[in-house]
PDB file of all heavy atoms in Angstrom:
ATOM      1  N   GLY A   1     -18.440  15.549  18.454  1.00  0.00           N
ATOM      2  CA  GLY A   1     -19.516  15.335  19.433  1.00  0.00           C
ATOM      3  C   GLY A   1     -20.858  15.068  18.868  1.00  0.00           C
ATOM      4  O   GLY A   1     -21.856  15.058  19.590  1.00  0.00           O
ATOM      5  N   ALA A   2     -20.959  14.808  17.550  1.00  0.00           N
ATOM      6  CA  ALA A   2     -22.280  14.529  16.947  1.00  0.00           C
ATOM      7  C   ALA A   2     -22.794  13.201  17.430  1.00  0.00           C
ATOM      8  O   ALA A   2     -22.051  12.220  17.528  1.00  0.00           O
ATOM      9  CB  ALA A   2     -22.138  14.523  15.435  1.00  0.00           C
ATOM     10  N   GLN A   3     -24.107  13.149  17.715  1.00  0.00           N
ATOM     11  CA  GLN A   3     -24.733  11.916  18.169  1.00  0.00           C
ATOM     12  C   GLN A   3     -26.068  11.758  17.454  1.00  0.00           C
ATOM     13  O   GLN A   3     -26.728  12.734  17.045  1.00  0.00           O
ATOM     14  CB  GLN A   3     -24.969  11.940  19.684  1.00  0.00           C
ATOM     15  CG  GLN A   3     -23.673  12.025  20.484  1.00  0.00           C
ATOM     16  CD  GLN A   3     -23.951  12.106  21.994  1.00  0.00           C
ATOM     17  OE1 GLN A   3     -25.111  12.158  22.397  1.00  0.00           O
ATOM     18  NE2 GLN A   3     -22.876  12.122  22.773  1.00  0.00           N
ATOM     19  N   GLY A   4     -26.511  10.510  17.326  1.00  0.00           N
ATOM     20  CA  GLY A   4     -27.814  10.209  16.781  1.00  0.00           C
ATOM     21  C   GLY A   4     -28.023  10.752  15.385  1.00  0.00           C
ATOM     22  O   GLY A   4     -27.150  10.636  14.512  1.00  0.00           O
ATOM     23  N   ALA A   5     -29.176  11.378  15.176  1.00  0.00           N
ATOM     24  CA  ALA A   5     -29.525  11.885  13.853  1.00  0.00           C
ATOM     25  C   ALA A   5     -28.575  12.989  13.375  1.00  0.00           C
ATOM     26  O   ALA A   5     -28.359  13.164  12.184  1.00  0.00           O
ATOM     27  CB  ALA A   5     -30.957  12.412  13.879  1.00  0.00           C
ATOM     28  N   ILE A   6     -28.011  13.734  14.350  1.00  0.00           N
ATOM     29  CA  ILE A   6     -27.086  14.803  13.965  1.00  0.00           C
ATOM     30  C   ILE A   6     -25.863  14.241  13.251  1.00  0.00           C
ATOM     31  O   ILE A   6     -25.300  14.871  12.341  1.00  0.00           O
ATOM     32  CB  ILE A   6     -26.677  15.616  15.207  1.00  0.00           C
ATOM     33  CG1 ILE A   6     -27.893  16.342  15.776  1.00  0.00           C
ATOM     34  CG2 ILE A   6     -25.562  16.608  14.874  1.00  0.00           C
ATOM     35  CD1 ILE A   6     -27.604  17.142  17.029  1.00  0.00           C
ATOM     36  N   THR A   7     -25.448  13.021  13.626  1.00  0.00           N
ATOM     37  CA  THR A   7     -24.296  12.412  12.968  1.00  0.00           C
ATOM     38  C   THR A   7     -24.517  12.293  11.479  1.00  0.00           C
ATOM     39  O   THR A   7     -23.636  12.606  10.653  1.00  0.00           O
ATOM     40  CB  THR A   7     -24.010  11.032  13.581  1.00  0.00           C
ATOM     41  OG1 THR A   7     -23.747  11.173  14.941  1.00  0.00           O
ATOM     42  CG2 THR A   7     -22.834  10.383  12.895  1.00  0.00           C
ATOM     43  N   ALA A   8     -25.702  11.848  11.101  1.00  0.00           N
ATOM     44  CA  ALA A   8     -26.018  11.693   9.672  1.00  0.00           C
ATOM     45  C   ALA A   8     -25.951  13.031   8.946  1.00  0.00           C
ATOM     46  O   ALA A   8     -25.450  13.109   7.800  1.00  0.00           O
ATOM     47  CB  ALA A   8     -27.386  11.043   9.511  1.00  0.00           C
ATOM     48  N   HIS A   9     -26.420  14.071   9.583  1.00  0.00           N
ATOM     49  CA  HIS A   9     -26.381  15.406   8.952  1.00  0.00           C
ATOM     50  C   HIS A   9     -24.933  15.888   8.801  1.00  0.00           C
ATOM     51  O   HIS A   9     -24.566  16.467   7.764  1.00  0.00           O
ATOM     52  CB  HIS A   9     -27.161  16.416   9.798  1.00  0.00           C
ATOM     53  CG  HIS A   9     -28.650  16.184   9.778  1.00  0.00           C
ATOM     54  ND1 HIS A   9     -29.378  16.104   8.604  1.00  0.00           N
ATOM     55  CD2 HIS A   9     -29.545  16.048  10.797  1.00  0.00           C
ATOM     56  CE1 HIS A   9     -30.646  15.903   8.890  1.00  0.00           C
ATOM     57  NE2 HIS A   9     -30.783  15.869  10.217  1.00  0.00           N
ATOM     58  N   VAL A  10     -24.119  15.698   9.837  1.00  0.00           N
ATOM     59  CA  VAL A  10     -22.717  16.129   9.750  1.00  0.00           C
ATOM     60  C   VAL A  10     -21.970  15.389   8.654  1.00  0.00           C
ATOM     61  O   VAL A  10     -21.258  15.952   7.865  1.00  0.00           O
ATOM     62  CB  VAL A  10     -22.015  15.939  11.116  1.00  0.00           C
ATOM     63  CG1 VAL A  10     -20.548  16.259  11.004  1.00  0.00           C
ATOM     64  CG2 VAL A  10     -22.666  16.816  12.167  1.00  0.00           C
ATOM     65  N   VAL A  11     -22.181  14.043   8.617  1.00  0.00           N
ATOM     66  CA  VAL A  11     -21.518  13.225   7.588  1.00  0.00           C
ATOM     67  C   VAL A  11     -21.969  13.620   6.208  1.00  0.00           C
ATOM     68  O   VAL A  11     -21.170  13.711   5.252  1.00  0.00           O
ATOM     69  CB  VAL A  11     -21.750  11.728   7.865  1.00  0.00           C
ATOM     70  CG1 VAL A  11     -21.264  10.892   6.697  1.00  0.00           C
ATOM     71  CG2 VAL A  11     -21.057  11.307   9.168  1.00  0.00           C
ATOM     72  N   ALA A  12     -23.271  13.900   6.066  1.00  0.00           N
ATOM     73  CA  ALA A  12     -23.794  14.322   4.751  1.00  0.00           C
ATOM     74  C   ALA A  12     -23.150  15.639   4.308  1.00  0.00           C
ATOM     75  O   ALA A  12     -22.813  15.814   3.138  1.00  0.00           O
ATOM     76  CB  ALA A  12     -25.332  14.466   4.840  1.00  0.00           C
ATOM     77  N   TYR A  13     -23.004  16.560   5.262  1.00  0.00           N
ATOM     78  CA  TYR A  13     -22.383  17.849   4.908  1.00  0.00           C
ATOM     79  C   TYR A  13     -20.917  17.663   4.507  1.00  0.00           C
ATOM     80  O   TYR A  13     -20.460  18.169   3.500  1.00  0.00           O
ATOM     81  CB  TYR A  13     -22.499  18.823   6.078  1.00  0.00           C
ATOM     82  CG  TYR A  13     -22.176  20.254   5.681  1.00  0.00           C
ATOM     83  CD1 TYR A  13     -23.178  21.117   5.300  1.00  0.00           C
ATOM     84  CD2 TYR A  13     -20.851  20.708   5.645  1.00  0.00           C
ATOM     85  CE1 TYR A  13     -22.904  22.420   4.932  1.00  0.00           C
ATOM     86  CE2 TYR A  13     -20.573  22.001   5.248  1.00  0.00           C
ATOM     87  CZ  TYR A  13     -21.583  22.846   4.898  1.00  0.00           C
ATOM     88  OH  TYR A  13     -21.299  24.127   4.497  1.00  0.00           O
ATOM     89  N   LEU A  14     -20.180  16.909   5.324  1.00  0.00           N
ATOM     90  CA  LEU A  14     -18.761  16.704   5.029  1.00  0.00           C
ATOM     91  C   LEU A  14     -18.559  15.933   3.725  1.00  0.00           C
ATOM     92  O   LEU A  14     -17.563  16.158   3.024  1.00  0.00           O
ATOM     93  CB  LEU A  14     -18.088  15.950   6.194  1.00  0.00           C
ATOM     94  CG  LEU A  14     -18.021  16.723   7.520  1.00  0.00           C
ATOM     95  CD1 LEU A  14     -17.365  15.855   8.592  1.00  0.00           C
ATOM     96  CD2 LEU A  14     -17.251  18.026   7.372  1.00  0.00           C
ATOM     97  N   SER A  15     -19.499  15.036   3.391  1.00  0.00           N
ATOM     98  CA  SER A  15     -19.370  14.288   2.141  1.00  0.00           C
ATOM     99  C   SER A  15     -19.472  15.187   0.914  1.00  0.00           C
ATOM    100  O   SER A  15     -18.852  14.885  -0.128  1.00  0.00           O
ATOM    101  CB  SER A  15     -20.478  13.226   2.085  1.00  0.00           C
ATOM    102  OG  SER A  15     -20.361  12.300   3.142  1.00  0.00           O
ATOM    103  N   GLY A  16     -20.189  16.285   1.026  1.00  0.00           N
ATOM    104  CA  GLY A  16     -20.272  17.222  -0.090  1.00  0.00           C
ATOM    105  C   GLY A  16     -19.176  18.275  -0.029  1.00  0.00           C
ATOM    106  O   GLY A  16     -18.493  18.547  -1.026  1.00  0.00           O
ATOM    107  N   TRP A  17     -18.979  18.820   1.168  1.00  0.00           N
ATOM    108  CA  TRP A  17     -18.018  19.928   1.308  1.00  0.00           C
ATOM    109  C   TRP A  17     -16.577  19.465   1.155  1.00  0.00           C
ATOM    110  O   TRP A  17     -15.697  20.248   0.697  1.00  0.00           O
ATOM    111  CB  TRP A  17     -18.221  20.563   2.683  1.00  0.00           C
ATOM    112  CG  TRP A  17     -17.320  21.729   2.962  1.00  0.00           C
ATOM    113  CD1 TRP A  17     -17.412  22.983   2.475  1.00  0.00           C
ATOM    114  CD2 TRP A  17     -16.176  21.713   3.829  1.00  0.00           C
ATOM    115  NE1 TRP A  17     -16.391  23.770   2.954  1.00  0.00           N
ATOM    116  CE2 TRP A  17     -15.646  23.005   3.807  1.00  0.00           C
ATOM    117  CE3 TRP A  17     -15.581  20.722   4.611  1.00  0.00           C
ATOM    118  CZ2 TRP A  17     -14.508  23.344   4.537  1.00  0.00           C
ATOM    119  CZ3 TRP A  17     -14.449  21.073   5.340  1.00  0.00           C
ATOM    120  CH2 TRP A  17     -13.917  22.361   5.295  1.00  0.00           C
ATOM    121  N   GLY A  18     -16.304  18.213   1.478  1.00  0.00           N
ATOM    122  CA  GLY A  18     -14.916  17.726   1.433  1.00  0.00           C
ATOM    123  C   GLY A  18     -14.283  17.838   0.050  1.00  0.00           C
ATOM    124  O   GLY A  18     -13.067  17.995  -0.043  1.00  0.00           O
ATOM    125  N   TRP A  19     -15.071  17.815  -0.988  1.00  0.00           N
ATOM    126  CA  TRP A  19     -14.514  17.923  -2.347  1.00  0.00           C
ATOM    127  C   TRP A  19     -14.048  19.339  -2.678  1.00  0.00           C
ATOM    128  O   TRP A  19     -13.364  19.541  -3.691  1.00  0.00           O
ATOM    129  CB  TRP A  19     -15.572  17.493  -3.379  1.00  0.00           C
ATOM    130  CG  TRP A  19     -15.936  16.044  -3.304  1.00  0.00           C
ATOM    131  CD1 TRP A  19     -17.034  15.502  -2.684  1.00  0.00           C
ATOM    132  CD2 TRP A  19     -15.183  14.952  -3.811  1.00  0.00           C
ATOM    133  NE1 TRP A  19     -16.998  14.137  -2.785  1.00  0.00           N
ATOM    134  CE2 TRP A  19     -15.872  13.775  -3.478  1.00  0.00           C
ATOM    135  CE3 TRP A  19     -13.976  14.830  -4.532  1.00  0.00           C
ATOM    136  CZ2 TRP A  19     -15.416  12.503  -3.844  1.00  0.00           C
ATOM    137  CZ3 TRP A  19     -13.531  13.583  -4.895  1.00  0.00           C
ATOM    138  CH2 TRP A  19     -14.249  12.427  -4.550  1.00  0.00           C
ATOM    139  N   PHE A  20     -14.410  20.290  -1.880  1.00  0.00           N
ATOM    140  CA  PHE A  20     -14.146  21.687  -2.236  1.00  0.00           C
ATOM    141  C   PHE A  20     -13.227  22.416  -1.262  1.00  0.00           C
ATOM    142  O   PHE A  20     -13.118  23.635  -1.313  1.00  0.00           O
ATOM    143  CB  PHE A  20     -15.471  22.454  -2.292  1.00  0.00           C
ATOM    144  CG  PHE A  20     -16.429  21.905  -3.318  1.00  0.00           C
ATOM    145  CD1 PHE A  20     -17.425  21.006  -2.953  1.00  0.00           C
ATOM    146  CD2 PHE A  20     -16.329  22.295  -4.652  1.00  0.00           C
ATOM    147  CE1 PHE A  20     -18.302  20.511  -3.893  1.00  0.00           C
ATOM    148  CE2 PHE A  20     -17.211  21.800  -5.580  1.00  0.00           C
ATOM    149  CZ  PHE A  20     -18.203  20.886  -5.205  1.00  0.00           C
ATOM    150  N   VAL A  21     -12.549  21.655  -0.394  1.00  0.00           N
ATOM    151  CA  VAL A  21     -11.648  22.307   0.590  1.00  0.00           C
ATOM    152  C   VAL A  21     -10.565  23.121  -0.121  1.00  0.00           C
ATOM    153  O   VAL A  21     -10.141  24.179   0.354  1.00  0.00           O
ATOM    154  CB  VAL A  21     -11.026  21.251   1.521  1.00  0.00           C
ATOM    155  CG1 VAL A  21     -10.055  21.927   2.515  1.00  0.00           C
ATOM    156  CG2 VAL A  21     -12.107  20.527   2.297  1.00  0.00           C
ATOM    157  N   LEU A  22     -10.092  22.624  -1.256  1.00  0.00           N
ATOM    158  CA  LEU A  22      -9.084  23.359  -2.038  1.00  0.00           C
ATOM    159  C   LEU A  22      -9.535  24.781  -2.317  1.00  0.00           C
ATOM    160  O   LEU A  22      -8.751  25.737  -2.174  1.00  0.00           O
ATOM    161  CB  LEU A  22      -8.807  22.616  -3.343  1.00  0.00           C
ATOM    162  CG  LEU A  22      -7.975  23.366  -4.385  1.00  0.00           C
ATOM    163  CD1 LEU A  22      -6.576  23.661  -3.841  1.00  0.00           C
ATOM    164  CD2 LEU A  22      -7.896  22.565  -5.679  1.00  0.00           C
ATOM    165  N   PHE A  23     -10.775  24.949  -2.726  1.00  0.00           N
ATOM    166  CA  PHE A  23     -11.279  26.291  -3.078  1.00  0.00           C
ATOM    167  C   PHE A  23     -11.545  27.120  -1.834  1.00  0.00           C
ATOM    168  O   PHE A  23     -11.350  28.342  -1.847  1.00  0.00           O
ATOM    169  CB  PHE A  23     -12.537  26.146  -3.913  1.00  0.00           C
ATOM    170  CG  PHE A  23     -12.346  25.317  -5.147  1.00  0.00           C
ATOM    171  CD1 PHE A  23     -12.792  24.013  -5.208  1.00  0.00           C
ATOM    172  CD2 PHE A  23     -11.643  25.823  -6.236  1.00  0.00           C
ATOM    173  CE1 PHE A  23     -12.590  23.246  -6.333  1.00  0.00           C
ATOM    174  CE2 PHE A  23     -11.429  25.071  -7.353  1.00  0.00           C
ATOM    175  CZ  PHE A  23     -11.899  23.782  -7.404  1.00  0.00           C
ATOM    176  N   ALA A  24     -11.912  26.480  -0.732  1.00  0.00           N
ATOM    177  CA  ALA A  24     -12.011  27.205   0.541  1.00  0.00           C
ATOM    178  C   ALA A  24     -10.657  27.703   0.988  1.00  0.00           C
ATOM    179  O   ALA A  24     -10.536  28.810   1.536  1.00  0.00           O
ATOM    180  CB  ALA A  24     -12.633  26.304   1.623  1.00  0.00           C
ATOM    181  N   ASN A  25      -9.624  26.879   0.789  1.00  0.00           N
ATOM    182  CA  ASN A  25      -8.262  27.290   1.139  1.00  0.00           C
ATOM    183  C   ASN A  25      -7.780  28.509   0.365  1.00  0.00           C
ATOM    184  O   ASN A  25      -7.026  29.332   0.859  1.00  0.00           O
ATOM    185  CB  ASN A  25      -7.281  26.131   0.883  1.00  0.00           C
ATOM    186  CG  ASN A  25      -7.038  25.302   2.101  1.00  0.00           C
ATOM    187  OD1 ASN A  25      -7.680  25.458   3.129  1.00  0.00           O
ATOM    188  ND2 ASN A  25      -6.124  24.345   2.013  1.00  0.00           N
ATOM    189  N   GLY A  26      -8.209  28.610  -0.886  1.00  0.00           N
ATOM    190  CA  GLY A  26      -7.673  29.674  -1.734  1.00  0.00           C
ATOM    191  C   GLY A  26      -8.536  30.911  -1.861  1.00  0.00           C
ATOM    192  O   GLY A  26      -8.066  31.930  -2.325  1.00  0.00           O
ATOM    193  N   LEU A  27      -9.801  30.818  -1.419  1.00  0.00           N
ATOM    194  CA  LEU A  27     -10.755  31.878  -1.725  1.00  0.00           C
ATOM    195  C   LEU A  27     -10.294  33.246  -1.222  1.00  0.00           C
ATOM    196  O   LEU A  27     -10.153  34.190  -2.013  1.00  0.00           O
ATOM    197  CB  LEU A  27     -12.107  31.514  -1.117  1.00  0.00           C
ATOM    198  CG  LEU A  27     -13.240  32.508  -1.337  1.00  0.00           C
ATOM    199  CD1 LEU A  27     -13.562  32.605  -2.826  1.00  0.00           C
ATOM    200  CD2 LEU A  27     -14.488  32.103  -0.565  1.00  0.00           C
ATOM    201  N   TYR A  28     -10.070  33.395   0.049  1.00  0.00           N
ATOM    202  CA  TYR A  28      -9.759  34.714   0.633  1.00  0.00           C
ATOM    203  C   TYR A  28      -8.342  35.148   0.274  1.00  0.00           C
ATOM    204  O   TYR A  28      -8.077  36.335   0.098  1.00  0.00           O
ATOM    205  CB  TYR A  28      -9.954  34.659   2.147  1.00  0.00           C
ATOM    206  CG  TYR A  28     -11.339  34.268   2.525  1.00  0.00           C
ATOM    207  CD1 TYR A  28     -11.636  32.972   2.916  1.00  0.00           C
ATOM    208  CD2 TYR A  28     -12.390  35.173   2.430  1.00  0.00           C
ATOM    209  CE1 TYR A  28     -12.946  32.589   3.232  1.00  0.00           C
ATOM    210  CE2 TYR A  28     -13.710  34.812   2.759  1.00  0.00           C
ATOM    211  CZ  TYR A  28     -13.973  33.498   3.154  1.00  0.00           C
ATOM    212  OH  TYR A  28     -15.246  33.115   3.449  1.00  0.00           O
ATOM    213  N   ALA A  29      -7.437  34.166   0.126  1.00  0.00           N
ATOM    214  CA  ALA A  29      -6.077  34.494  -0.278  1.00  0.00           C
ATOM    215  C   ALA A  29      -6.043  35.092  -1.674  1.00  0.00           C
ATOM    216  O   ALA A  29      -5.352  36.104  -1.918  1.00  0.00           O
ATOM    217  CB  ALA A  29      -5.208  33.235  -0.220  1.00  0.00           C
ATOM    218  N   MET A  30      -6.796  34.518  -2.613  1.00  0.00           N
ATOM    219  CA  MET A  30      -6.787  35.044  -3.966  1.00  0.00           C
ATOM    220  C   MET A  30      -7.310  36.469  -4.015  1.00  0.00           C
ATOM    221  O   MET A  30      -6.835  37.306  -4.745  1.00  0.00           O
ATOM    222  CB  MET A  30      -7.658  34.147  -4.865  1.00  0.00           C
ATOM    223  CG  MET A  30      -7.166  32.699  -5.004  1.00  0.00           C
ATOM    224  SD  MET A  30      -5.443  32.583  -5.578  1.00  0.00           S
ATOM    225  CE  MET A  30      -5.553  33.445  -7.116  1.00  0.00           C
ATOM    226  N   GLU A  31      -8.328  36.741  -3.201  1.00  0.00           N
ATOM    227  CA  GLU A  31      -8.878  38.112  -3.167  1.00  0.00           C
ATOM    228  C   GLU A  31      -7.857  39.117  -2.631  1.00  0.00           C
ATOM    229  O   GLU A  31      -7.745  40.246  -3.123  1.00  0.00           O
ATOM    230  CB  GLU A  31     -10.153  38.103  -2.342  1.00  0.00           C
ATOM    231  CG  GLU A  31     -11.038  39.345  -2.546  1.00  0.00           C
ATOM    232  CD  GLU A  31     -10.743  40.444  -1.548  1.00  0.00           C
ATOM    233  OE1 GLU A  31     -10.175  40.133  -0.494  1.00  0.00           O
ATOM    234  OE2 GLU A  31     -11.047  41.615  -1.841  1.00  0.00           O
ATOM    235  N   LEU A  32      -7.061  38.679  -1.644  1.00  0.00           N
ATOM    236  CA  LEU A  32      -6.025  39.560  -1.084  1.00  0.00           C
ATOM    237  C   LEU A  32      -4.918  39.798  -2.076  1.00  0.00           C
ATOM    238  O   LEU A  32      -4.376  40.913  -2.167  1.00  0.00           O
ATOM    239  CB  LEU A  32      -5.460  38.935   0.203  1.00  0.00           C
ATOM    240  CG  LEU A  32      -6.409  38.966   1.418  1.00  0.00           C
ATOM    241  CD1 LEU A  32      -5.914  38.016   2.498  1.00  0.00           C
ATOM    242  CD2 LEU A  32      -6.561  40.374   1.951  1.00  0.00           C
ATOM    243  N   PHE A  33      -4.557  38.807  -2.868  1.00  0.00           N
ATOM    244  CA  PHE A  33      -3.510  38.984  -3.879  1.00  0.00           C
ATOM    245  C   PHE A  33      -3.961  39.968  -4.977  1.00  0.00           C
ATOM    246  O   PHE A  33      -3.133  40.701  -5.539  1.00  0.00           O
ATOM    247  CB  PHE A  33      -3.144  37.631  -4.515  1.00  0.00           C
ATOM    248  CG  PHE A  33      -2.506  36.669  -3.568  1.00  0.00           C
ATOM    249  CD1 PHE A  33      -2.800  35.313  -3.626  1.00  0.00           C
ATOM    250  CD2 PHE A  33      -1.636  37.109  -2.572  1.00  0.00           C
ATOM    251  CE1 PHE A  33      -2.212  34.415  -2.755  1.00  0.00           C
ATOM    252  CE2 PHE A  33      -1.051  36.235  -1.693  1.00  0.00           C
ATOM    253  CZ  PHE A  33      -1.334  34.877  -1.757  1.00  0.00           C
ATOM    254  N   LEU A  34      -5.259  39.964  -5.292  1.00  0.00           N
ATOM    255  CA  LEU A  34      -5.759  40.932  -6.282  1.00  0.00           C
ATOM    256  C   LEU A  34      -5.583  42.345  -5.800  1.00  0.00           C
ATOM    257  O   LEU A  34      -5.374  43.262  -6.600  1.00  0.00           O
ATOM    258  CB  LEU A  34      -7.220  40.640  -6.609  1.00  0.00           C
ATOM    259  CG  LEU A  34      -7.498  39.406  -7.481  1.00  0.00           C
ATOM    260  CD1 LEU A  34      -8.974  39.155  -7.602  1.00  0.00           C
ATOM    261  CD2 LEU A  34      -6.874  39.569  -8.857  1.00  0.00           C
ATOM    262  N   ARG A  35      -5.688  42.595  -4.511  1.00  0.00           N
ATOM    263  CA  ARG A  35      -5.499  43.935  -3.966  1.00  0.00           C
ATOM    264  C   ARG A  35      -4.067  44.422  -4.206  1.00  0.00           C
ATOM    265  O   ARG A  35      -3.840  45.631  -4.421  1.00  0.00           O
ATOM    266  CB  ARG A  35      -5.812  43.983  -2.484  1.00  0.00           C
ATOM    267  CG  ARG A  35      -7.269  43.630  -2.160  1.00  0.00           C
ATOM    268  CD  ARG A  35      -7.543  43.747  -0.668  1.00  0.00           C
ATOM    269  NE  ARG A  35      -8.826  43.149  -0.325  1.00  0.00           N
ATOM    270  CZ  ARG A  35      -9.335  43.160   0.900  1.00  0.00           C
ATOM    271  NH1 ARG A  35      -8.659  43.719   1.887  1.00  0.00           N
ATOM    272  NH2 ARG A  35     -10.493  42.606   1.149  1.00  0.00           N
ATOM    273  N   VAL A  36      -3.124  43.507  -4.141  1.00  0.00           N
ATOM    274  CA  VAL A  36      -1.730  43.882  -4.374  1.00  0.00           C
ATOM    275  C   VAL A  36      -1.507  44.252  -5.845  1.00  0.00           C
ATOM    276  O   VAL A  36      -0.713  45.146  -6.169  1.00  0.00           O
ATOM    277  CB  VAL A  36      -0.778  42.731  -3.985  1.00  0.00           C
ATOM    278  CG1 VAL A  36       0.685  43.098  -4.238  1.00  0.00           C
ATOM    279  CG2 VAL A  36      -0.955  42.366  -2.529  1.00  0.00           C
ATOM    280  N   GLU A  37      -2.233  43.583  -6.739  1.00  0.00           N
ATOM    281  CA  GLU A  37      -2.108  43.879  -8.170  1.00  0.00           C
ATOM    282  C   GLU A  37      -2.511  45.319  -8.490  1.00  0.00           C
ATOM    283  O   GLU A  37      -1.929  45.922  -9.367  1.00  0.00           O
ATOM    284  CB  GLU A  37      -2.953  42.880  -8.957  1.00  0.00           C
ATOM    285  CG  GLU A  37      -3.034  43.142 -10.443  1.00  0.00           C
ATOM    286  CD  GLU A  37      -1.719  42.914 -11.161  1.00  0.00           C
ATOM    287  OE1 GLU A  37      -0.866  42.189 -10.628  1.00  0.00           O
ATOM    288  OE2 GLU A  37      -1.525  43.488 -12.259  1.00  0.00           O
ATOM    289  N   GLY A  38      -3.494  45.868  -7.786  1.00  0.00           N
ATOM    290  CA  GLY A  38      -3.906  47.230  -8.035  1.00  0.00           C
ATOM    291  C   GLY A  38      -5.396  47.411  -7.899  1.00  0.00           C
ATOM    292  O   GLY A  38      -6.150  46.459  -7.695  1.00  0.00           O
ATOM    293  N   ALA A  39      -5.852  48.678  -8.036  1.00  0.00           N
ATOM    294  CA  ALA A  39      -7.269  48.994  -7.817  1.00  0.00           C
ATOM    295  C   ALA A  39      -8.210  48.260  -8.781  1.00  0.00           C
ATOM    296  O   ALA A  39      -9.247  47.735  -8.368  1.00  0.00           O
ATOM    297  CB  ALA A  39      -7.485  50.484  -7.889  1.00  0.00           C
ATOM    298  N   PRO A  40      -7.927  48.229 -10.099  1.00  0.00           N
ATOM    299  CA  PRO A  40      -8.832  47.477 -11.004  1.00  0.00           C
ATOM    300  C   PRO A  40      -8.963  46.011 -10.637  1.00  0.00           C
ATOM    301  O   PRO A  40     -10.050  45.458 -10.692  1.00  0.00           O
ATOM    302  CB  PRO A  40      -8.188  47.669 -12.380  1.00  0.00           C
ATOM    303  CG  PRO A  40      -7.362  48.922 -12.257  1.00  0.00           C
ATOM    304  CD  PRO A  40      -6.843  48.893 -10.849  1.00  0.00           C
ATOM    305  N   ALA A  41      -7.842  45.397 -10.260  1.00  0.00           N
ATOM    306  CA  ALA A  41      -7.903  44.005  -9.879  1.00  0.00           C
ATOM    307  C   ALA A  41      -8.663  43.819  -8.581  1.00  0.00           C
ATOM    308  O   ALA A  41      -9.406  42.837  -8.404  1.00  0.00           O
ATOM    309  CB  ALA A  41      -6.477  43.461  -9.712  1.00  0.00           C
ATOM    310  N   ALA A  42      -8.505  44.762  -7.650  1.00  0.00           N
ATOM    311  CA  ALA A  42      -9.251  44.693  -6.384  1.00  0.00           C
ATOM    312  C   ALA A  42     -10.755  44.755  -6.636  1.00  0.00           C
ATOM    313  O   ALA A  42     -11.538  44.026  -5.996  1.00  0.00           O
ATOM    314  CB  ALA A  42      -8.816  45.803  -5.448  1.00  0.00           C
ATOM    315  N   ARG A  43     -11.169  45.636  -7.568  1.00  0.00           N
ATOM    316  CA  ARG A  43     -12.591  45.709  -7.928  1.00  0.00           C
ATOM    317  C   ARG A  43     -13.065  44.391  -8.540  1.00  0.00           C
ATOM    318  O   ARG A  43     -14.185  43.925  -8.261  1.00  0.00           O
ATOM    319  CB  ARG A  43     -12.847  46.876  -8.874  1.00  0.00           C
ATOM    320  CG  ARG A  43     -12.817  48.243  -8.217  1.00  0.00           C
ATOM    321  CD  ARG A  43     -13.383  49.309  -9.115  1.00  0.00           C
ATOM    322  NE  ARG A  43     -12.560  49.497 -10.294  1.00  0.00           N
ATOM    323  CZ  ARG A  43     -11.531  50.353 -10.351  1.00  0.00           C
ATOM    324  NH1 ARG A  43     -11.213  51.079  -9.293  1.00  0.00           N
ATOM    325  NH2 ARG A  43     -10.823  50.474 -11.470  1.00  0.00           N
ATOM    326  N   PHE A  44     -12.219  43.801  -9.372  1.00  0.00           N
ATOM    327  CA  PHE A  44     -12.557  42.504  -9.951  1.00  0.00           C
ATOM    328  C   PHE A  44     -12.752  41.470  -8.866  1.00  0.00           C
ATOM    329  O   PHE A  44     -13.687  40.646  -8.936  1.00  0.00           O
ATOM    330  CB  PHE A  44     -11.441  42.055 -10.909  1.00  0.00           C
ATOM    331  CG  PHE A  44     -11.742  40.775 -11.636  1.00  0.00           C
ATOM    332  CD1 PHE A  44     -12.415  40.793 -12.852  1.00  0.00           C
ATOM    333  CD2 PHE A  44     -11.384  39.549 -11.094  1.00  0.00           C
ATOM    334  CE1 PHE A  44     -12.689  39.613 -13.514  1.00  0.00           C
ATOM    335  CE2 PHE A  44     -11.664  38.377 -11.752  1.00  0.00           C
ATOM    336  CZ  PHE A  44     -12.303  38.393 -12.975  1.00  0.00           C
ATOM    337  N   GLY A  45     -11.913  41.485  -7.831  1.00  0.00           N
ATOM    338  CA  GLY A  45     -12.051  40.557  -6.733  1.00  0.00           C
ATOM    339  C   GLY A  45     -13.360  40.757  -5.998  1.00  0.00           C
ATOM    340  O   GLY A  45     -14.023  39.783  -5.585  1.00  0.00           O
ATOM    341  N   LEU A  46     -13.768  42.016  -5.818  1.00  0.00           N
ATOM    342  CA  LEU A  46     -15.043  42.307  -5.188  1.00  0.00           C
ATOM    343  C   LEU A  46     -16.195  41.685  -5.983  1.00  0.00           C
ATOM    344  O   LEU A  46     -17.107  41.057  -5.454  1.00  0.00           O
ATOM    345  CB  LEU A  46     -15.229  43.807  -5.072  1.00  0.00           C
ATOM    346  CG  LEU A  46     -16.615  44.288  -4.600  1.00  0.00           C
ATOM    347  CD1 LEU A  46     -16.913  43.808  -3.193  1.00  0.00           C
ATOM    348  CD2 LEU A  46     -16.703  45.821  -4.672  1.00  0.00           C
TER     349      LEU A  46
END
């Protein structure tokens, strides 16, 4: 639903953020896996 000047801002954001979706996909999952490893790993995740 972006229109006018907002379109340029949205496209500018997606042009930068699009390269990092892989890390957004893995970020919270990796932290949860560290909790399974044990307390020291969970602290490392924090």
